Amino acid sequence: MAKIAVENSLTNVKQALENNGYQVVSMDESSIGSCDCCVISGQDKNMLGIAETATQAAVINAQGLSVDEVLQQVNRCVQ
């Protein structure tokens, strides 16, 4: 079972992923290192242009996407 880290604000995405058999975890430093994919809301912007990578997993930006579109991207990511 693929482990997907999802931002807390994306409750509808969490529910859809769980309904499709994914193990969903909250996005925090202890969980993202071992997840297969991360889903972010896209609301937080990096204003300073500094980015530190905490995971090698693919990151899906859910901003502007429907729940079905996010699910499709997760499916492609974990294949």
N, C-alpha and C. Protein backbone atom coordinates (compact mmCIF):
# COMPACT_ATOMS: atom_id res chain seq x y z
N MET A 1 0.85 -1.18 0.00
CA MET A 1 0.00 0.00 0.00
C MET A 1 0.89 1.24 0.00
N ALA A 2 0.64 2.14 -0.92
CA ALA A 2 1.42 3.37 -1.03
C ALA A 2 1.06 4.32 0.11
N LYS A 3 2.08 5.00 0.61
CA LYS A 3 1.88 5.98 1.69
C LYS A 3 1.96 7.37 1.09
N ILE A 4 0.89 8.15 1.30
CA ILE A 4 0.78 9.49 0.73
C ILE A 4 0.69 10.51 1.86
N ALA A 5 1.59 11.49 1.86
CA ALA A 5 1.52 12.58 2.83
C ALA A 5 0.68 13.70 2.23
N VAL A 6 -0.28 14.19 3.01
CA VAL A 6 -1.22 15.21 2.52
C VAL A 6 -1.30 16.34 3.54
N GLU A 7 -1.28 17.58 3.05
CA GLU A 7 -1.45 18.73 3.94
C GLU A 7 -2.79 18.63 4.66
N ASN A 8 -2.81 19.06 5.91
CA ASN A 8 -4.01 18.95 6.74
C ASN A 8 -5.22 19.67 6.17
N SER A 9 -5.02 20.73 5.41
CA SER A 9 -6.15 21.50 4.88
C SER A 9 -6.88 20.79 3.75
N LEU A 10 -6.32 19.73 3.22
CA LEU A 10 -6.90 19.02 2.07
C LEU A 10 -7.70 17.80 2.52
N THR A 11 -8.71 18.01 3.36
CA THR A 11 -9.46 16.89 3.91
C THR A 11 -10.21 16.10 2.85
N ASN A 12 -10.73 16.77 1.83
CA ASN A 12 -11.45 16.05 0.77
C ASN A 12 -10.50 15.15 -0.04
N VAL A 13 -9.27 15.60 -0.23
CA VAL A 13 -8.27 14.79 -0.93
C VAL A 13 -7.88 13.60 -0.07
N LYS A 14 -7.67 13.84 1.23
CA LYS A 14 -7.34 12.74 2.15
C LYS A 14 -8.40 11.65 2.09
N GLN A 15 -9.65 12.04 2.16
CA GLN A 15 -10.76 11.09 2.17
C GLN A 15 -10.80 10.30 0.86
N ALA A 16 -10.62 10.98 -0.27
CA ALA A 16 -10.64 10.29 -1.57
C ALA A 16 -9.49 9.30 -1.68
N LEU A 17 -8.32 9.67 -1.21
CA LEU A 17 -7.17 8.75 -1.27
C LEU A 17 -7.40 7.53 -0.39
N GLU A 18 -7.91 7.76 0.82
CA GLU A 18 -8.22 6.63 1.72
C GLU A 18 -9.26 5.71 1.10
N ASN A 19 -10.28 6.28 0.47
CA ASN A 19 -11.32 5.49 -0.18
C ASN A 19 -10.78 4.67 -1.35
N ASN A 20 -9.64 5.07 -1.88
CA ASN A 20 -9.03 4.36 -2.99
C ASN A 20 -7.86 3.47 -2.55
N GLY A 21 -7.78 3.21 -1.25
CA GLY A 21 -6.83 2.24 -0.74
C GLY A 21 -5.45 2.74 -0.38
N TYR A 22 -5.26 4.04 -0.35
CA TYR A 22 -3.95 4.58 0.01
C TYR A 22 -3.86 4.79 1.52
N GLN A 23 -2.65 4.65 2.04
CA GLN A 23 -2.39 5.00 3.43
C GLN A 23 -2.06 6.49 3.44
N VAL A 24 -2.87 7.28 4.13
CA VAL A 24 -2.69 8.73 4.15
C VAL A 24 -2.13 9.14 5.51
N VAL A 25 -1.08 9.95 5.47
CA VAL A 25 -0.46 10.46 6.69
C VAL A 25 -0.41 11.98 6.62
N SER A 26 -0.34 12.62 7.78
CA SER A 26 -0.20 14.07 7.83
C SER A 26 1.19 14.44 7.34
N MET A 27 1.29 15.62 6.79
CA MET A 27 2.57 16.07 6.27
C MET A 27 3.36 16.72 7.40
N ASP A 28 4.32 15.98 7.93
CA ASP A 28 5.24 16.52 8.92
C ASP A 28 6.61 15.89 8.67
N GLU A 29 7.61 16.40 9.34
CA GLU A 29 8.98 15.96 9.07
C GLU A 29 9.19 14.47 9.31
N SER A 30 8.46 13.90 10.26
CA SER A 30 8.66 12.48 10.56
C SER A 30 8.02 11.56 9.54
N SER A 31 7.02 12.04 8.80
CA SER A 31 6.33 11.16 7.86
C SER A 31 6.74 11.34 6.41
N ILE A 32 7.15 12.53 6.00
CA ILE A 32 7.39 12.74 4.58
C ILE A 32 8.65 12.05 4.07
N GLY A 33 9.54 11.72 4.96
CA GLY A 33 10.74 11.02 4.54
C GLY A 33 10.48 9.60 4.06
N SER A 34 9.38 9.01 4.51
CA SER A 34 9.08 7.63 4.14
C SER A 34 7.84 7.50 3.26
N CYS A 35 7.34 8.60 2.73
CA CYS A 35 6.14 8.52 1.90
C CYS A 35 6.51 8.33 0.42
N ASP A 36 5.55 7.84 -0.33
CA ASP A 36 5.74 7.61 -1.76
C ASP A 36 5.43 8.86 -2.58
N CYS A 37 4.60 9.74 -2.01
CA CYS A 37 4.15 10.92 -2.74
C CYS A 37 3.62 11.92 -1.71
N CYS A 38 3.73 13.22 -2.04
CA CYS A 38 3.21 14.28 -1.17
C CYS A 38 2.22 15.13 -1.96
N VAL A 39 1.14 15.53 -1.29
CA VAL A 39 0.15 16.41 -1.91
C VAL A 39 0.10 17.68 -1.08
N ILE A 40 0.36 18.81 -1.74
CA ILE A 40 0.36 20.10 -1.06
C ILE A 40 -0.78 20.96 -1.61
N SER A 41 -1.19 21.94 -0.82
CA SER A 41 -2.29 22.82 -1.24
C SER A 41 -1.82 23.90 -2.20
N GLY A 42 -0.55 24.23 -2.17
CA GLY A 42 -0.03 25.29 -3.02
C GLY A 42 -0.29 26.67 -2.47
N GLN A 43 -0.85 26.76 -1.28
CA GLN A 43 -1.18 28.06 -0.68
C GLN A 43 0.04 28.76 -0.09
N ASP A 44 0.99 27.99 0.43
CA ASP A 44 2.19 28.57 1.02
C ASP A 44 3.20 28.85 -0.09
N LYS A 45 3.63 30.06 -0.19
CA LYS A 45 4.60 30.44 -1.20
C LYS A 45 5.94 30.69 -0.54
N ASN A 46 6.99 30.31 -1.24
CA ASN A 46 8.34 30.52 -0.76
C ASN A 46 8.77 31.93 -1.17
N MET A 47 8.57 32.88 -0.29
CA MET A 47 8.80 34.28 -0.62
C MET A 47 10.28 34.62 -0.79
N LEU A 48 11.17 33.90 -0.11
CA LEU A 48 12.59 34.21 -0.19
C LEU A 48 13.30 33.44 -1.30
N GLY A 49 12.63 32.50 -1.91
CA GLY A 49 13.26 31.73 -2.97
C GLY A 49 14.20 30.66 -2.45
N ILE A 50 14.08 30.33 -1.18
CA ILE A 50 14.93 29.30 -0.58
C ILE A 50 14.10 28.05 -0.41
N ALA A 51 14.62 26.93 -0.86
CA ALA A 51 13.88 25.68 -0.73
C ALA A 51 14.80 24.60 -0.20
N GLU A 52 14.32 23.88 0.77
CA GLU A 52 15.05 22.73 1.29
C GLU A 52 14.20 21.50 1.02
N THR A 53 14.79 20.49 0.43
CA THR A 53 14.06 19.29 0.10
C THR A 53 14.13 18.32 1.27
N ALA A 54 12.95 17.92 1.74
CA ALA A 54 12.88 17.00 2.87
C ALA A 54 12.56 15.58 2.43
N THR A 55 12.26 15.40 1.15
CA THR A 55 11.89 14.08 0.65
C THR A 55 12.30 13.92 -0.80
N GLN A 56 12.51 12.70 -1.20
CA GLN A 56 12.79 12.39 -2.61
C GLN A 56 11.50 12.04 -3.35
N ALA A 57 10.39 11.99 -2.62
CA ALA A 57 9.09 11.62 -3.21
C ALA A 57 8.58 12.74 -4.12
N ALA A 58 7.74 12.35 -5.06
CA ALA A 58 7.11 13.34 -5.93
C ALA A 58 6.18 14.23 -5.12
N VAL A 59 6.08 15.49 -5.52
CA VAL A 59 5.21 16.45 -4.85
C VAL A 59 4.16 16.90 -5.85
N ILE A 60 2.89 16.77 -5.46
CA ILE A 60 1.78 17.17 -6.30
C ILE A 60 1.15 18.42 -5.70
N ASN A 61 1.08 19.48 -6.49
CA ASN A 61 0.46 20.73 -6.07
C ASN A 61 -1.03 20.65 -6.45
N ALA A 62 -1.90 20.61 -5.45
CA ALA A 62 -3.34 20.44 -5.68
C ALA A 62 -4.05 21.74 -6.01
N GLN A 63 -3.35 22.86 -6.00
CA GLN A 63 -3.99 24.15 -6.26
C GLN A 63 -4.59 24.16 -7.66
N GLY A 64 -5.88 24.44 -7.75
CA GLY A 64 -6.56 24.52 -9.03
C GLY A 64 -6.99 23.19 -9.61
N LEU A 65 -6.73 22.09 -8.89
CA LEU A 65 -7.10 20.76 -9.37
C LEU A 65 -8.33 20.24 -8.62
N SER A 66 -9.13 19.45 -9.30
CA SER A 66 -10.24 18.78 -8.62
C SER A 66 -9.68 17.59 -7.85
N VAL A 67 -10.49 17.02 -6.98
CA VAL A 67 -10.08 15.85 -6.22
C VAL A 67 -9.74 14.70 -7.18
N ASP A 68 -10.55 14.53 -8.22
CA ASP A 68 -10.30 13.47 -9.20
C ASP A 68 -8.97 13.67 -9.93
N GLU A 69 -8.64 14.90 -10.25
CA GLU A 69 -7.38 15.19 -10.92
C GLU A 69 -6.19 14.89 -10.01
N VAL A 70 -6.31 15.23 -8.73
CA VAL A 70 -5.25 14.91 -7.77
C VAL A 70 -5.09 13.40 -7.67
N LEU A 71 -6.21 12.69 -7.58
CA LEU A 71 -6.17 11.23 -7.49
C LEU A 71 -5.49 10.62 -8.72
N GLN A 72 -5.78 11.14 -9.90
CA GLN A 72 -5.13 10.65 -11.12
C GLN A 72 -3.63 10.87 -11.07
N GLN A 73 -3.20 12.03 -10.58
CA GLN A 73 -1.77 12.30 -10.49
C GLN A 73 -1.09 11.39 -9.46
N VAL A 74 -1.76 11.14 -8.36
CA VAL A 74 -1.21 10.22 -7.35
C VAL A 74 -1.09 8.82 -7.95
N ASN A 75 -2.11 8.39 -8.66
CA ASN A 75 -2.07 7.06 -9.29
C ASN A 75 -0.86 6.93 -10.22
N ARG A 76 -0.59 7.96 -11.03
CA ARG A 76 0.56 7.95 -11.93
C ARG A 76 1.87 7.97 -11.15
N CYS A 77 1.88 8.68 -10.06
CA CYS A 77 3.09 8.85 -9.26
C CYS A 77 3.55 7.54 -8.62
N VAL A 78 2.61 6.73 -8.16
CA VAL A 78 2.97 5.53 -7.39
C VAL A 78 3.03 4.26 -8.24
N GLN A 79 2.80 4.37 -9.53
CA GLN A 79 2.86 3.18 -10.39
C GLN A 79 4.26 2.68 -10.54
